[in-house]
Amino acid sequence: MRNLLIESHCIFPTQDIIKTANFYEQKMGFRAVHYLNANDPHICLYRDTTEIILIKTNGQKVIPNRDLYGYGYDAYFITKDQEELQEELVSSDVKIVRFLHDTDYNNKEFVVEDIDARWIAFGIKVG
């Protein structure tokens, strides 16, 4: 069977698209490309092979999955060197809500909170 899916991108609604983009650039090492004059204004955030697309909420508050549904991350990124990335984000004063640990579903991961209160996990399957 052929691989028909290649990649995915997270789409994050945000009240203040510029403030959120600045957080990701300054704290999390992403590069922002602004498409604010497009028919559907957005900002693309790039880091390595990962992309996040920011869109405007038209004033609505961002509600993280754990608030809407009682649990759940808002994004999950696969990374091979969690230790190095966690250290980088700690030194950038990104809020770590769960430090690097082994989960009961056989992943090694850590979780950060972004400027819009989203919980983003960085992990990989072990074993």
PDB file of N, CA and C in Angstrom:
ATOM      1  N   MET A   1       0.846  -1.185   0.000  1.00  0.00           N
ATOM      2  CA  MET A   1       0.000   0.000   0.000  1.00  0.00           C
ATOM      3  C   MET A   1       0.888   1.244   0.000  1.00  0.00           C
ATOM      4  N   ARG A   2       0.576   2.170  -0.869  1.00  0.00           N
ATOM      5  CA  ARG A   2       1.342   3.410  -0.969  1.00  0.00           C
ATOM      6  C   ARG A   2       1.059   4.316   0.218  1.00  0.00           C
ATOM      7  N   ASN A   3       2.057   5.131   0.598  1.00  0.00           N
ATOM      8  CA  ASN A   3       1.846   6.178   1.600  1.00  0.00           C
ATOM      9  C   ASN A   3       1.191   7.366   0.905  1.00  0.00           C
ATOM     10  N   LEU A   4      -0.050   7.611   1.217  1.00  0.00           N
ATOM     11  CA  LEU A   4      -0.769   8.710   0.581  1.00  0.00           C
ATOM     12  C   LEU A   4      -0.697   9.986   1.402  1.00  0.00           C
ATOM     13  N   LEU A   5      -0.485   9.861   2.711  1.00  0.00           N
ATOM     14  CA  LEU A   5      -0.336  11.034   3.568  1.00  0.00           C
ATOM     15  C   LEU A   5       1.147  11.321   3.747  1.00  0.00           C
ATOM     16  N   ILE A   6       1.524  12.567   3.651  1.00  0.00           N
ATOM     17  CA  ILE A   6       2.939  12.925   3.722  1.00  0.00           C
ATOM     18  C   ILE A   6       3.266  13.654   5.016  1.00  0.00           C
ATOM     19  N   GLU A   7       2.549  14.715   5.330  1.00  0.00           N
ATOM     20  CA  GLU A   7       2.792  15.534   6.519  1.00  0.00           C
ATOM     21  C   GLU A   7       1.466  16.061   7.021  1.00  0.00           C
ATOM     22  N   SER A   8       1.526  16.722   8.162  1.00  0.00           N
ATOM     23  CA  SER A   8       0.364  17.467   8.633  1.00  0.00           C
ATOM     24  C   SER A   8       0.839  18.768   9.256  1.00  0.00           C
ATOM     25  N   HIS A   9      -0.044  19.730   9.305  1.00  0.00           N
ATOM     26  CA  HIS A   9       0.253  21.018   9.931  1.00  0.00           C
ATOM     27  C   HIS A   9      -0.836  21.306  10.948  1.00  0.00           C
ATOM     28  N   CYS A  10      -0.433  21.833  12.084  1.00  0.00           N
ATOM     29  CA  CYS A  10      -1.413  22.259  13.082  1.00  0.00           C
ATOM     30  C   CYS A  10      -1.965  23.619  12.683  1.00  0.00           C
ATOM     31  N   ILE A  11      -3.237  23.823  12.929  1.00  0.00           N
ATOM     32  CA  ILE A  11      -3.858  25.126  12.728  1.00  0.00           C
ATOM     33  C   ILE A  11      -4.318  25.613  14.092  1.00  0.00           C
ATOM     34  N   PHE A  12      -3.729  26.728  14.533  1.00  0.00           N
ATOM     35  CA  PHE A  12      -4.027  27.289  15.842  1.00  0.00           C
ATOM     36  C   PHE A  12      -4.766  28.609  15.694  1.00  0.00           C
ATOM     37  N   PRO A  13      -6.029  28.673  16.071  1.00  0.00           N
ATOM     38  CA  PRO A  13      -6.709  29.965  16.154  1.00  0.00           C
ATOM     39  C   PRO A  13      -6.127  30.765  17.323  1.00  0.00           C
ATOM     40  N   THR A  14      -6.091  32.073  17.191  1.00  0.00           N
ATOM     41  CA  THR A  14      -5.553  32.925  18.247  1.00  0.00           C
ATOM     42  C   THR A  14      -6.193  34.305  18.197  1.00  0.00           C
ATOM     43  N   GLN A  15      -6.391  34.878  19.374  1.00  0.00           N
ATOM     44  CA  GLN A  15      -6.979  36.223  19.447  1.00  0.00           C
ATOM     45  C   GLN A  15      -6.020  37.276  18.915  1.00  0.00           C
ATOM     46  N   ASP A  16      -4.732  37.129  19.236  1.00  0.00           N
ATOM     47  CA  ASP A  16      -3.733  38.120  18.828  1.00  0.00           C
ATOM     48  C   ASP A  16      -2.653  37.403  18.023  1.00  0.00           C
ATOM     49  N   ILE A  17      -2.850  37.378  16.718  1.00  0.00           N
ATOM     50  CA  ILE A  17      -2.001  36.596  15.823  1.00  0.00           C
ATOM     51  C   ILE A  17      -0.536  37.055  15.868  1.00  0.00           C
ATOM     52  N   ILE A  18      -0.312  38.348  16.007  1.00  0.00           N
ATOM     53  CA  ILE A  18       1.060  38.873  16.057  1.00  0.00           C
ATOM     54  C   ILE A  18       1.730  38.482  17.377  1.00  0.00           C
ATOM     55  N   LYS A  19       1.021  38.619  18.479  1.00  0.00           N
ATOM     56  CA  LYS A  19       1.575  38.269  19.795  1.00  0.00           C
ATOM     57  C   LYS A  19       1.920  36.780  19.856  1.00  0.00           C
ATOM     58  N   THR A  20       1.040  35.942  19.330  1.00  0.00           N
ATOM     59  CA  THR A  20       1.310  34.505  19.324  1.00  0.00           C
ATOM     60  C   THR A  20       2.498  34.181  18.423  1.00  0.00           C
ATOM     61  N   ALA A  21       2.559  34.784  17.246  1.00  0.00           N
ATOM     62  CA  ALA A  21       3.695  34.563  16.341  1.00  0.00           C
ATOM     63  C   ALA A  21       5.001  34.987  17.010  1.00  0.00           C
ATOM     64  N   ASN A  22       4.986  36.123  17.685  1.00  0.00           N
ATOM     65  CA  ASN A  22       6.201  36.597  18.369  1.00  0.00           C
ATOM     66  C   ASN A  22       6.641  35.617  19.452  1.00  0.00           C
ATOM     67  N   PHE A  23       5.690  35.043  20.205  1.00  0.00           N
ATOM     68  CA  PHE A  23       6.020  34.048  21.222  1.00  0.00           C
ATOM     69  C   PHE A  23       6.730  32.858  20.584  1.00  0.00           C
ATOM     70  N   TYR A  24       6.168  32.347  19.509  1.00  0.00           N
ATOM     71  CA  TYR A  24       6.768  31.180  18.859  1.00  0.00           C
ATOM     72  C   TYR A  24       8.140  31.494  18.271  1.00  0.00           C
ATOM     73  N   GLU A  25       8.329  32.692  17.760  1.00  0.00           N
ATOM     74  CA  GLU A  25       9.645  33.079  17.234  1.00  0.00           C
ATOM     75  C   GLU A  25      10.651  33.278  18.361  1.00  0.00           C
ATOM     76  N   GLN A  26      10.287  34.065  19.353  1.00  0.00           N
ATOM     77  CA  GLN A  26      11.232  34.463  20.391  1.00  0.00           C
ATOM     78  C   GLN A  26      11.489  33.380  21.430  1.00  0.00           C
ATOM     79  N   LYS A  27      10.486  32.584  21.744  1.00  0.00           N
ATOM     80  CA  LYS A  27      10.615  31.593  22.822  1.00  0.00           C
ATOM     81  C   LYS A  27      10.822  30.169  22.328  1.00  0.00           C
ATOM     82  N   MET A  28      10.242  29.825  21.171  1.00  0.00           N
ATOM     83  CA  MET A  28      10.243  28.425  20.759  1.00  0.00           C
ATOM     84  C   MET A  28      11.040  28.149  19.497  1.00  0.00           C
ATOM     85  N   GLY A  29      11.709  29.167  18.972  1.00  0.00           N
ATOM     86  CA  GLY A  29      12.635  28.940  17.870  1.00  0.00           C
ATOM     87  C   GLY A  29      12.023  28.764  16.496  1.00  0.00           C
ATOM     88  N   PHE A  30      10.774  29.180  16.324  1.00  0.00           N
ATOM     89  CA  PHE A  30      10.141  29.100  15.014  1.00  0.00           C
ATOM     90  C   PHE A  30      10.449  30.356  14.201  1.00  0.00           C
ATOM     91  N   ARG A  31      10.278  30.254  12.895  1.00  0.00           N
ATOM     92  CA  ARG A  31      10.408  31.387  11.985  1.00  0.00           C
ATOM     93  C   ARG A  31       9.014  31.682  11.455  1.00  0.00           C
ATOM     94  N   ALA A  32       8.586  32.941  11.517  1.00  0.00           N
ATOM     95  CA  ALA A  32       7.237  33.320  11.089  1.00  0.00           C
ATOM     96  C   ALA A  32       7.254  33.942   9.697  1.00  0.00           C
ATOM     97  N   VAL A  33       6.297  33.533   8.885  1.00  0.00           N
ATOM     98  CA  VAL A  33       6.062  34.137   7.576  1.00  0.00           C
ATOM     99  C   VAL A  33       4.619  34.625   7.576  1.00  0.00           C
ATOM    100  N   HIS A  34       4.458  35.924   7.374  1.00  0.00           N
ATOM    101  CA  HIS A  34       3.147  36.572   7.492  1.00  0.00           C
ATOM    102  C   HIS A  34       2.425  36.604   6.146  1.00  0.00           C
ATOM    103  N   TYR A  35       1.171  36.176   6.176  1.00  0.00           N
ATOM    104  CA  TYR A  35       0.277  36.257   5.019  1.00  0.00           C
ATOM    105  C   TYR A  35      -0.987  37.001   5.448  1.00  0.00           C
ATOM    106  N   LEU A  36      -0.792  38.156   6.063  1.00  0.00           N
ATOM    107  CA  LEU A  36      -1.914  38.884   6.651  1.00  0.00           C
ATOM    108  C   LEU A  36      -2.759  39.613   5.619  1.00  0.00           C
ATOM    109  N   ASN A  37      -2.247  39.770   4.393  1.00  0.00           N
ATOM    110  CA  ASN A  37      -3.024  40.419   3.334  1.00  0.00           C
ATOM    111  C   ASN A  37      -3.698  39.405   2.412  1.00  0.00           C
ATOM    112  N   ALA A  38      -3.603  38.130   2.733  1.00  0.00           N
ATOM    113  CA  ALA A  38      -4.253  37.086   1.938  1.00  0.00           C
ATOM    114  C   ALA A  38      -5.764  37.127   2.188  1.00  0.00           C
ATOM    115  N   ASN A  39      -6.526  36.473   1.319  1.00  0.00           N
ATOM    116  CA  ASN A  39      -7.982  36.400   1.521  1.00  0.00           C
ATOM    117  C   ASN A  39      -8.317  35.800   2.873  1.00  0.00           C
ATOM    118  N   ASP A  40      -7.550  34.817   3.291  1.00  0.00           N
ATOM    119  CA  ASP A  40      -7.681  34.219   4.618  1.00  0.00           C
ATOM    120  C   ASP A  40      -6.395  34.536   5.380  1.00  0.00           C
ATOM    121  N   PRO A  41      -6.373  35.663   6.115  1.00  0.00           N
ATOM    122  CA  PRO A  41      -5.133  36.083   6.780  1.00  0.00           C
ATOM    123  C   PRO A  41      -4.616  35.015   7.740  1.00  0.00           C
ATOM    124  N   HIS A  42      -3.306  34.774   7.673  1.00  0.00           N
ATOM    125  CA  HIS A  42      -2.684  33.785   8.543  1.00  0.00           C
ATOM    126  C   HIS A  42      -1.186  34.036   8.631  1.00  0.00           C
ATOM    127  N   ILE A  43      -0.568  33.358   9.581  1.00  0.00           N
ATOM    128  CA  ILE A  43       0.893  33.379   9.724  1.00  0.00           C
ATOM    129  C   ILE A  43       1.344  31.929   9.790  1.00  0.00           C
ATOM    130  N   CYS A  44       2.346  31.589   8.998  1.00  0.00           N
ATOM    131  CA  CYS A  44       2.934  30.253   9.043  1.00  0.00           C
ATOM    132  C   CYS A  44       4.177  30.301   9.912  1.00  0.00           C
ATOM    133  N   LEU A  45       4.269  29.344  10.827  1.00  0.00           N
ATOM    134  CA  LEU A  45       5.417  29.218  11.718  1.00  0.00           C
ATOM    135  C   LEU A  45       6.177  27.962  11.327  1.00  0.00           C
ATOM    136  N   TYR A  46       7.492  28.098  11.114  1.00  0.00           N
ATOM    137  CA  TYR A  46       8.309  26.972  10.658  1.00  0.00           C
ATOM    138  C   TYR A  46       9.445  26.711  11.632  1.00  0.00           C
ATOM    139  N   ARG A  47       9.663  25.429  11.911  1.00  0.00           N
ATOM    140  CA  ARG A  47      10.854  24.996  12.634  1.00  0.00           C
ATOM    141  C   ARG A  47      11.167  23.585  12.162  1.00  0.00           C
ATOM    142  N   ASP A  48      12.366  23.421  11.626  1.00  0.00           N
ATOM    143  CA  ASP A  48      12.782  22.136  11.063  1.00  0.00           C
ATOM    144  C   ASP A  48      11.722  21.692  10.046  1.00  0.00           C
ATOM    145  N   THR A  49      11.116  20.532  10.212  1.00  0.00           N
ATOM    146  CA  THR A  49      10.101  20.073   9.253  1.00  0.00           C
ATOM    147  C   THR A  49       8.681  20.251   9.793  1.00  0.00           C
ATOM    148  N   THR A  50       8.541  21.062  10.825  1.00  0.00           N
ATOM    149  CA  THR A  50       7.246  21.281  11.469  1.00  0.00           C
ATOM    150  C   THR A  50       6.678  22.636  11.053  1.00  0.00           C
ATOM    151  N   GLU A  51       5.371  22.677  10.846  1.00  0.00           N
ATOM    152  CA  GLU A  51       4.700  23.936  10.529  1.00  0.00           C
ATOM    153  C   GLU A  51       3.446  24.076  11.372  1.00  0.00           C
ATOM    154  N   ILE A  52       3.241  25.276  11.876  1.00  0.00           N
ATOM    155  CA  ILE A  52       2.012  25.658  12.571  1.00  0.00           C
ATOM    156  C   ILE A  52       1.426  26.825  11.800  1.00  0.00           C
ATOM    157  N   ILE A  53       0.128  26.799  11.588  1.00  0.00           N
ATOM    158  CA  ILE A  53      -0.547  27.894  10.894  1.00  0.00           C
ATOM    159  C   ILE A  53      -1.430  28.611  11.911  1.00  0.00           C
ATOM    160  N   LEU A  54      -1.179  29.901  12.083  1.00  0.00           N
ATOM    161  CA  LEU A  54      -1.988  30.724  12.987  1.00  0.00           C
ATOM    162  C   LEU A  54      -3.080  31.419  12.193  1.00  0.00           C
ATOM    163  N   ILE A  55      -4.300  31.373  12.736  1.00  0.00           N
ATOM    164  CA  ILE A  55      -5.415  32.110  12.136  1.00  0.00           C
ATOM    165  C   ILE A  55      -6.074  32.955  13.221  1.00  0.00           C
ATOM    166  N   LYS A  56      -6.790  33.992  12.804  1.00  0.00           N
ATOM    167  CA  LYS A  56      -7.451  34.891  13.752  1.00  0.00           C
ATOM    168  C   LYS A  56      -8.764  34.295  14.245  1.00  0.00           C
ATOM    169  N   THR A  57      -9.090  34.544  15.519  1.00  0.00           N
ATOM    170  CA  THR A  57     -10.342  34.037  16.086  1.00  0.00           C
ATOM    171  C   THR A  57     -11.490  35.032  15.987  1.00  0.00           C
ATOM    172  N   ASN A  58     -11.255  36.216  15.470  1.00  0.00           N
ATOM    173  CA  ASN A  58     -12.277  37.268  15.451  1.00  0.00           C
ATOM    174  C   ASN A  58     -12.752  37.606  16.855  1.00  0.00           C
ATOM    175  N   GLY A  59     -11.826  37.516  17.824  1.00  0.00           N
ATOM    176  CA  GLY A  59     -12.118  37.934  19.186  1.00  0.00           C
ATOM    177  C   GLY A  59     -12.488  36.818  20.147  1.00  0.00           C
ATOM    178  N   GLN A  60     -12.826  35.638  19.643  1.00  0.00           N
ATOM    179  CA  GLN A  60     -13.174  34.547  20.544  1.00  0.00           C
ATOM    180  C   GLN A  60     -11.936  34.069  21.307  1.00  0.00           C
ATOM    181  N   LYS A  61     -12.159  33.675  22.573  1.00  0.00           N
ATOM    182  CA  LYS A  61     -11.086  33.165  23.418  1.00  0.00           C
ATOM    183  C   LYS A  61     -10.673  31.776  22.935  1.00  0.00           C
ATOM    184  N   VAL A  62      -9.374  31.507  22.970  1.00  0.00           N
ATOM    185  CA  VAL A  62      -8.872  30.170  22.667  1.00  0.00           C
ATOM    186  C   VAL A  62      -9.179  29.272  23.864  1.00  0.00           C
ATOM    187  N   ILE A  63      -9.781  28.128  23.610  1.00  0.00           N
ATOM    188  CA  ILE A  63     -10.108  27.187  24.681  1.00  0.00           C
ATOM    189  C   ILE A  63      -9.335  25.891  24.422  1.00  0.00           C
ATOM    190  N   PRO A  64      -8.369  25.588  25.277  1.00  0.00           N
ATOM    191  CA  PRO A  64      -7.569  24.370  25.086  1.00  0.00           C
ATOM    192  C   PRO A  64      -8.420  23.107  25.230  1.00  0.00           C
ATOM    193  N   ASN A  65      -7.972  22.017  24.625  1.00  0.00           N
ATOM    194  CA  ASN A  65      -8.701  20.749  24.679  1.00  0.00           C
ATOM    195  C   ASN A  65      -8.983  20.298  26.105  1.00  0.00           C
ATOM    196  N   ARG A  66      -8.034  20.486  27.013  1.00  0.00           N
ATOM    197  CA  ARG A  66      -8.254  20.020  28.392  1.00  0.00           C
ATOM    198  C   ARG A  66      -9.402  20.772  29.056  1.00  0.00           C
ATOM    199  N   ASP A  67      -9.645  22.036  28.658  1.00  0.00           N
ATOM    200  CA  ASP A  67     -10.779  22.792  29.196  1.00  0.00           C
ATOM    201  C   ASP A  67     -12.084  22.391  28.509  1.00  0.00           C
ATOM    202  N   LEU A  68     -12.027  22.132  27.209  1.00  0.00           N
ATOM    203  CA  LEU A  68     -13.226  21.744  26.463  1.00  0.00           C
ATOM    204  C   LEU A  68     -13.678  20.325  26.799  1.00  0.00           C
ATOM    205  N   TYR A  69     -12.702  19.410  26.911  1.00  0.00           N
ATOM    206  CA  TYR A  69     -13.033  17.990  26.988  1.00  0.00           C
ATOM    207  C   TYR A  69     -12.546  17.294  28.256  1.00  0.00           C
ATOM    208  N   GLY A  70     -11.823  18.000  29.113  1.00  0.00           N
ATOM    209  CA  GLY A  70     -11.350  17.409  30.363  1.00  0.00           C
ATOM    210  C   GLY A  70      -9.953  16.832  30.298  1.00  0.00           C
ATOM    211  N   TYR A  71      -9.408  16.679  29.121  1.00  0.00           N
ATOM    212  CA  TYR A  71      -8.035  16.205  28.956  1.00  0.00           C
ATOM    213  C   TYR A  71      -7.633  16.398  27.500  1.00  0.00           C
ATOM    214  N   GLY A  72      -6.382  16.095  27.202  1.00  0.00           N
ATOM    215  CA  GLY A  72      -5.904  16.125  25.822  1.00  0.00           C
ATOM    216  C   GLY A  72      -4.984  17.287  25.531  1.00  0.00           C
ATOM    217  N   TYR A  73      -3.976  16.988  24.726  1.00  0.00           N
ATOM    218  CA  TYR A  73      -3.061  18.025  24.252  1.00  0.00           C
ATOM    219  C   TYR A  73      -3.698  18.725  23.053  1.00  0.00           C
ATOM    220  N   ASP A  74      -3.146  19.870  22.714  1.00  0.00           N
ATOM    221  CA  ASP A  74      -3.632  20.619  21.553  1.00  0.00           C
ATOM    222  C   ASP A  74      -2.790  20.365  20.319  1.00  0.00           C
ATOM    223  N   ALA A  75      -1.611  19.798  20.515  1.00  0.00           N
ATOM    224  CA  ALA A  75      -0.738  19.397  19.409  1.00  0.00           C
ATOM    225  C   ALA A  75       0.279  18.411  19.963  1.00  0.00           C
ATOM    226  N   TYR A  76       0.777  17.560  19.075  1.00  0.00           N
ATOM    227  CA  TYR A  76       1.797  16.581  19.451  1.00  0.00           C
ATOM    228  C   TYR A  76       2.830  16.556  18.335  1.00  0.00           C
ATOM    229  N   PHE A  77       4.064  16.902  18.678  1.00  0.00           N
ATOM    230  CA  PHE A  77       5.142  16.905  17.704  1.00  0.00           C
ATOM    231  C   PHE A  77       6.121  15.786  18.032  1.00  0.00           C
ATOM    232  N   ILE A  78       6.520  15.044  17.016  1.00  0.00           N
ATOM    233  CA  ILE A  78       7.483  13.956  17.185  1.00  0.00           C
ATOM    234  C   ILE A  78       8.885  14.560  17.134  1.00  0.00           C
ATOM    235  N   THR A  79       9.713  14.187  18.109  1.00  0.00           N
ATOM    236  CA  THR A  79      11.086  14.660  18.156  1.00  0.00           C
ATOM    237  C   THR A  79      11.971  13.548  18.684  1.00  0.00           C
ATOM    238  N   LYS A  80      13.191  13.489  18.191  1.00  0.00           N
ATOM    239  CA  LYS A  80      14.104  12.423  18.600  1.00  0.00           C
ATOM    240  C   LYS A  80      14.975  12.813  19.787  1.00  0.00           C
ATOM    241  N   ASP A  81      15.172  14.093  20.022  1.00  0.00           N
ATOM    242  CA  ASP A  81      16.061  14.519  21.106  1.00  0.00           C
ATOM    243  C   ASP A  81      15.320  15.438  22.061  1.00  0.00           C
ATOM    244  N   GLN A  82      14.426  14.829  22.830  1.00  0.00           N
ATOM    245  CA  GLN A  82      13.606  15.616  23.741  1.00  0.00           C
ATOM    246  C   GLN A  82      14.441  16.336  24.785  1.00  0.00           C
ATOM    247  N   GLU A  83      15.524  15.705  25.259  1.00  0.00           N
ATOM    248  CA  GLU A  83      16.340  16.323  26.301  1.00  0.00           C
ATOM    249  C   GLU A  83      16.872  17.687  25.847  1.00  0.00           C
ATOM    250  N   GLU A  84      17.453  17.717  24.649  1.00  0.00           N
ATOM    251  CA  GLU A  84      18.017  18.965  24.125  1.00  0.00           C
ATOM    252  C   GLU A  84      16.935  20.017  23.913  1.00  0.00           C
ATOM    253  N   LEU A  85      15.810  19.611  23.347  1.00  0.00           N
ATOM    254  CA  LEU A  85      14.729  20.560  23.092  1.00  0.00           C
ATOM    255  C   LEU A  85      14.138  21.078  24.402  1.00  0.00           C
ATOM    256  N   GLN A  86      13.941  20.192  25.365  1.00  0.00           N
ATOM    257  CA  GLN A  86      13.414  20.629  26.660  1.00  0.00           C
ATOM    258  C   GLN A  86      14.355  21.643  27.308  1.00  0.00           C
ATOM    259  N   GLU A  87      15.650  21.375  27.288  1.00  0.00           N
ATOM    260  CA  GLU A  87      16.622  22.321  27.856  1.00  0.00           C
ATOM    261  C   GLU A  87      16.554  23.666  27.154  1.00  0.00           C
ATOM    262  N   GLU A  88      16.451  23.644  25.821  1.00  0.00           N
ATOM    263  CA  GLU A  88      16.343  24.883  25.045  1.00  0.00           C
ATOM    264  C   GLU A  88      15.112  25.685  25.458  1.00  0.00           C
ATOM    265  N   LEU A  89      13.968  25.009  25.584  1.00  0.00           N
ATOM    266  CA  LEU A  89      12.734  25.710  25.924  1.00  0.00           C
ATOM    267  C   LEU A  89      12.742  26.197  27.370  1.00  0.00           C
ATOM    268  N   VAL A  90      13.327  25.430  28.276  1.00  0.00           N
ATOM    269  CA  VAL A  90      13.476  25.881  29.667  1.00  0.00           C
ATOM    270  C   VAL A  90      14.320  27.148  29.707  1.00  0.00           C
ATOM    271  N   SER A  91      15.425  27.164  28.961  1.00  0.00           N
ATOM    272  CA  SER A  91      16.300  28.347  28.968  1.00  0.00           C
ATOM    273  C   SER A  91      15.642  29.551  28.306  1.00  0.00           C
ATOM    274  N   SER A  92      14.612  29.329  27.492  1.00  0.00           N
ATOM    275  CA  SER A  92      13.851  30.422  26.866  1.00  0.00           C
ATOM    276  C   SER A  92      12.650  30.833  27.703  1.00  0.00           C
ATOM    277  N   ASP A  93      12.533  30.268  28.913  1.00  0.00           N
ATOM    278  CA  ASP A  93      11.426  30.569  29.827  1.00  0.00           C
ATOM    279  C   ASP A  93      10.057  30.159  29.300  1.00  0.00           C
ATOM    280  N   VAL A  94      10.008  29.091  28.516  1.00  0.00           N
ATOM    281  CA  VAL A  94       8.734  28.514  28.114  1.00  0.00           C
ATOM    282  C   VAL A  94       8.232  27.688  29.291  1.00  0.00           C
ATOM    283  N   LYS A  95       6.953  27.792  29.595  1.00  0.00           N
ATOM    284  CA  LYS A  95       6.373  27.070  30.724  1.00  0.00           C
ATOM    285  C   LYS A  95       6.301  25.570  30.410  1.00  0.00           C
ATOM    286  N   ILE A  96       6.996  24.771  31.218  1.00  0.00           N
ATOM    287  CA  ILE A  96       6.947  23.317  31.091  1.00  0.00           C
ATOM    288  C   ILE A  96       5.871  22.824  32.056  1.00  0.00           C
ATOM    289  N   VAL A  97       4.857  22.145  31.545  1.00  0.00           N
ATOM    290  CA  VAL A  97       3.794  21.655  32.423  1.00  0.00           C
ATOM    291  C   VAL A  97       4.000  20.192  32.798  1.00  0.00           C
ATOM    292  N   ARG A  98       4.737  19.467  31.984  1.00  0.00           N
ATOM    293  CA  ARG A  98       5.138  18.084  32.305  1.00  0.00           C
ATOM    294  C   ARG A  98       6.553  17.902  31.782  1.00  0.00           C
ATOM    295  N   PHE A  99       7.480  17.686  32.692  1.00  0.00           N
ATOM    296  CA  PHE A  99       8.864  17.465  32.287  1.00  0.00           C
ATOM    297  C   PHE A  99       9.004  16.083  31.658  1.00  0.00           C
ATOM    298  N   LEU A 100      10.102  15.883  30.974  1.00  0.00           N
ATOM    299  CA  LEU A 100      10.361  14.655  30.237  1.00  0.00           C
ATOM    300  C   LEU A 100      10.112  13.425  31.106  1.00  0.00           C
ATOM    301  N   HIS A 101       9.300  12.525  30.589  1.00  0.00           N
ATOM    302  CA  HIS A 101       8.948  11.306  31.328  1.00  0.00           C
ATOM    303  C   HIS A 101       8.500  10.226  30.346  1.00  0.00           C
ATOM    304  N   ASP A 102       8.432   9.002  30.847  1.00  0.00           N
ATOM    305  CA  ASP A 102       7.897   7.890  30.069  1.00  0.00           C
ATOM    306  C   ASP A 102       6.417   7.755  30.409  1.00  0.00           C
ATOM    307  N   THR A 103       5.598   7.651  29.389  1.00  0.00           N
ATOM    308  CA  THR A 103       4.144   7.577  29.593  1.00  0.00           C
ATOM    309  C   THR A 103       3.683   6.125  29.714  1.00  0.00           C
ATOM    310  N   ASP A 104       2.440   5.947  30.115  1.00  0.00           N
ATOM    311  CA  ASP A 104       1.868   4.603  30.183  1.00  0.00           C
ATOM    312  C   ASP A 104       1.399   4.116  28.809  1.00  0.00           C
ATOM    313  N   TYR A 105       1.616   4.932  27.762  1.00  0.00           N
ATOM    314  CA  TYR A 105       1.317   4.505  26.396  1.00  0.00           C
ATOM    315  C   TYR A 105       2.592   4.413  25.560  1.00  0.00           C
ATOM    316  N   ASN A 106       3.722   4.168  26.261  1.00  0.00           N
ATOM    317  CA  ASN A 106       5.025   3.871  25.644  1.00  0.00           C
ATOM    318  C   ASN A 106       5.612   5.010  24.818  1.00  0.00           C
ATOM    319  N   ASN A 107       5.379   6.235  25.239  1.00  0.00           N
ATOM    320  CA  ASN A 107       6.045   7.379  24.640  1.00  0.00           C
ATOM    321  C   ASN A 107       6.954   8.016  25.680  1.00  0.00           C
ATOM    322  N   LYS A 108       7.999   8.650  25.206  1.00  0.00           N
ATOM    323  CA  LYS A 108       8.849   9.495  26.039  1.00  0.00           C
ATOM    324  C   LYS A 108       8.524  10.910  25.589  1.00  0.00           C
ATOM    325  N   GLU A 109       8.059  11.762  26.518  1.00  0.00           N
ATOM    326  CA  GLU A 109       7.585  13.077  26.096  1.00  0.00           C
ATOM    327  C   GLU A 109       7.682  14.109  27.206  1.00  0.00           C
ATOM    328  N   PHE A 110       7.601  15.377  26.784  1.00  0.00           N
ATOM    329  CA  PHE A 110       7.399  16.481  27.719  1.00  0.00           C
ATOM    330  C   PHE A 110       6.355  17.404  27.105  1.00  0.00           C
ATOM    331  N   VAL A 111       5.780  18.277  27.948  1.00  0.00           N
ATOM    332  CA  VAL A 111       4.662  19.108  27.509  1.00  0.00           C
ATOM    333  C   VAL A 111       4.905  20.548  27.933  1.00  0.00           C
ATOM    334  N   VAL A 112       4.668  21.471  27.015  1.00  0.00           N
ATOM    335  CA  VAL A 112       4.791  22.902  27.298  1.00  0.00           C
ATOM    336  C   VAL A 112       3.428  23.563  27.153  1.00  0.00           C
ATOM    337  N   GLU A 113       3.322  24.767  27.721  1.00  0.00           N
ATOM    338  CA  GLU A 113       2.126  25.587  27.535  1.00  0.00           C
ATOM    339  C   GLU A 113       2.511  26.814  26.742  1.00  0.00           C
ATOM    340  N   ASP A 114       1.784  27.080  25.667  1.00  0.00           N
ATOM    341  CA  ASP A 114       2.108  28.256  24.861  1.00  0.00           C
ATOM    342  C   ASP A 114       1.397  29.504  25.393  1.00  0.00           C
ATOM    343  N   ILE A 115       1.547  30.599  24.717  1.00  0.00           N
ATOM    344  CA  ILE A 115       1.022  31.887  25.161  1.00  0.00           C
ATOM    345  C   ILE A 115      -0.508  31.920  25.183  1.00  0.00           C
ATOM    346  N   ASP A 116      -1.146  31.004  24.433  1.00  0.00           N
ATOM    347  CA  ASP A 116      -2.609  30.924  24.393  1.00  0.00           C
ATOM    348  C   ASP A 116      -3.146  29.791  25.265  1.00  0.00           C
ATOM    349  N   ALA A 117      -2.310  29.265  26.166  1.00  0.00           N
ATOM    350  CA  ALA A 117      -2.661  28.202  27.123  1.00  0.00           C
ATOM    351  C   ALA A 117      -2.828  26.830  26.478  1.00  0.00           C
ATOM    352  N   ARG A 118      -2.399  26.677  25.225  1.00  0.00           N
ATOM    353  CA  ARG A 118      -2.417  25.349  24.608  1.00  0.00           C
ATOM    354  C   ARG A 118      -1.331  24.486  25.220  1.00  0.00           C
ATOM    355  N   TRP A 119      -1.610  23.204  25.393  1.00  0.00           N
ATOM    356  CA  TRP A 119      -0.594  22.253  25.820  1.00  0.00           C
ATOM    357  C   TRP A 119      -0.079  21.527  24.590  1.00  0.00           C
ATOM    358  N   ILE A 120       1.236  21.612  24.400  1.00  0.00           N
ATOM    359  CA  ILE A 120       1.889  21.008  23.235  1.00  0.00           C
ATOM    360  C   ILE A 120       2.892  19.994  23.739  1.00  0.00           C
ATOM    361  N   ALA A 121       2.732  18.752  23.268  1.00  0.00           N
ATOM    362  CA  ALA A 121       3.638  17.670  23.669  1.00  0.00           C
ATOM    363  C   ALA A 121       4.703  17.470  22.604  1.00  0.00           C
ATOM    364  N   PHE A 122       5.885  17.092  23.077  1.00  0.00           N
ATOM    365  CA  PHE A 122       7.007  16.724  22.215  1.00  0.00           C
ATOM    366  C   PHE A 122       7.445  15.343  22.657  1.00  0.00           C
ATOM    367  N   GLY A 123       7.325  14.363  21.773  1.00  0.00           N
ATOM    368  CA  GLY A 123       7.647  13.018  22.192  1.00  0.00           C
ATOM    369  C   GLY A 123       7.918  12.071  21.050  1.00  0.00           C
ATOM    370  N   ILE A 124       8.113  10.815  21.447  1.00  0.00           N
ATOM    371  CA  ILE A 124       8.358   9.752  20.467  1.00  0.00           C
ATOM    372  C   ILE A 124       8.021   8.415  21.103  1.00  0.00           C
ATOM    373  N   LYS A 125       7.597   7.473  20.293  1.00  0.00           N
ATOM    374  CA  LYS A 125       7.306   6.107  20.739  1.00  0.00           C
ATOM    375  C   LYS A 125       8.629   5.441  21.136  1.00  0.00           C
ATOM    376  N   VAL A 126       8.634   4.722  22.252  1.00  0.00           N
ATOM    377  CA  VAL A 126       9.841   4.004  22.690  1.00  0.00           C
ATOM    378  C   VAL A 126       9.559   2.502  22.642  1.00  0.00           C
ATOM    379  N   GLY A 127      10.598   1.762  22.293  1.00  0.00           N
ATOM    380  CA  GLY A 127      10.492   0.303  22.280  1.00  0.00           C
ATOM    381  C   GLY A 127       9.679  -0.280  21.187  1.00  0.00           C
TER     382      GLY A 127
END
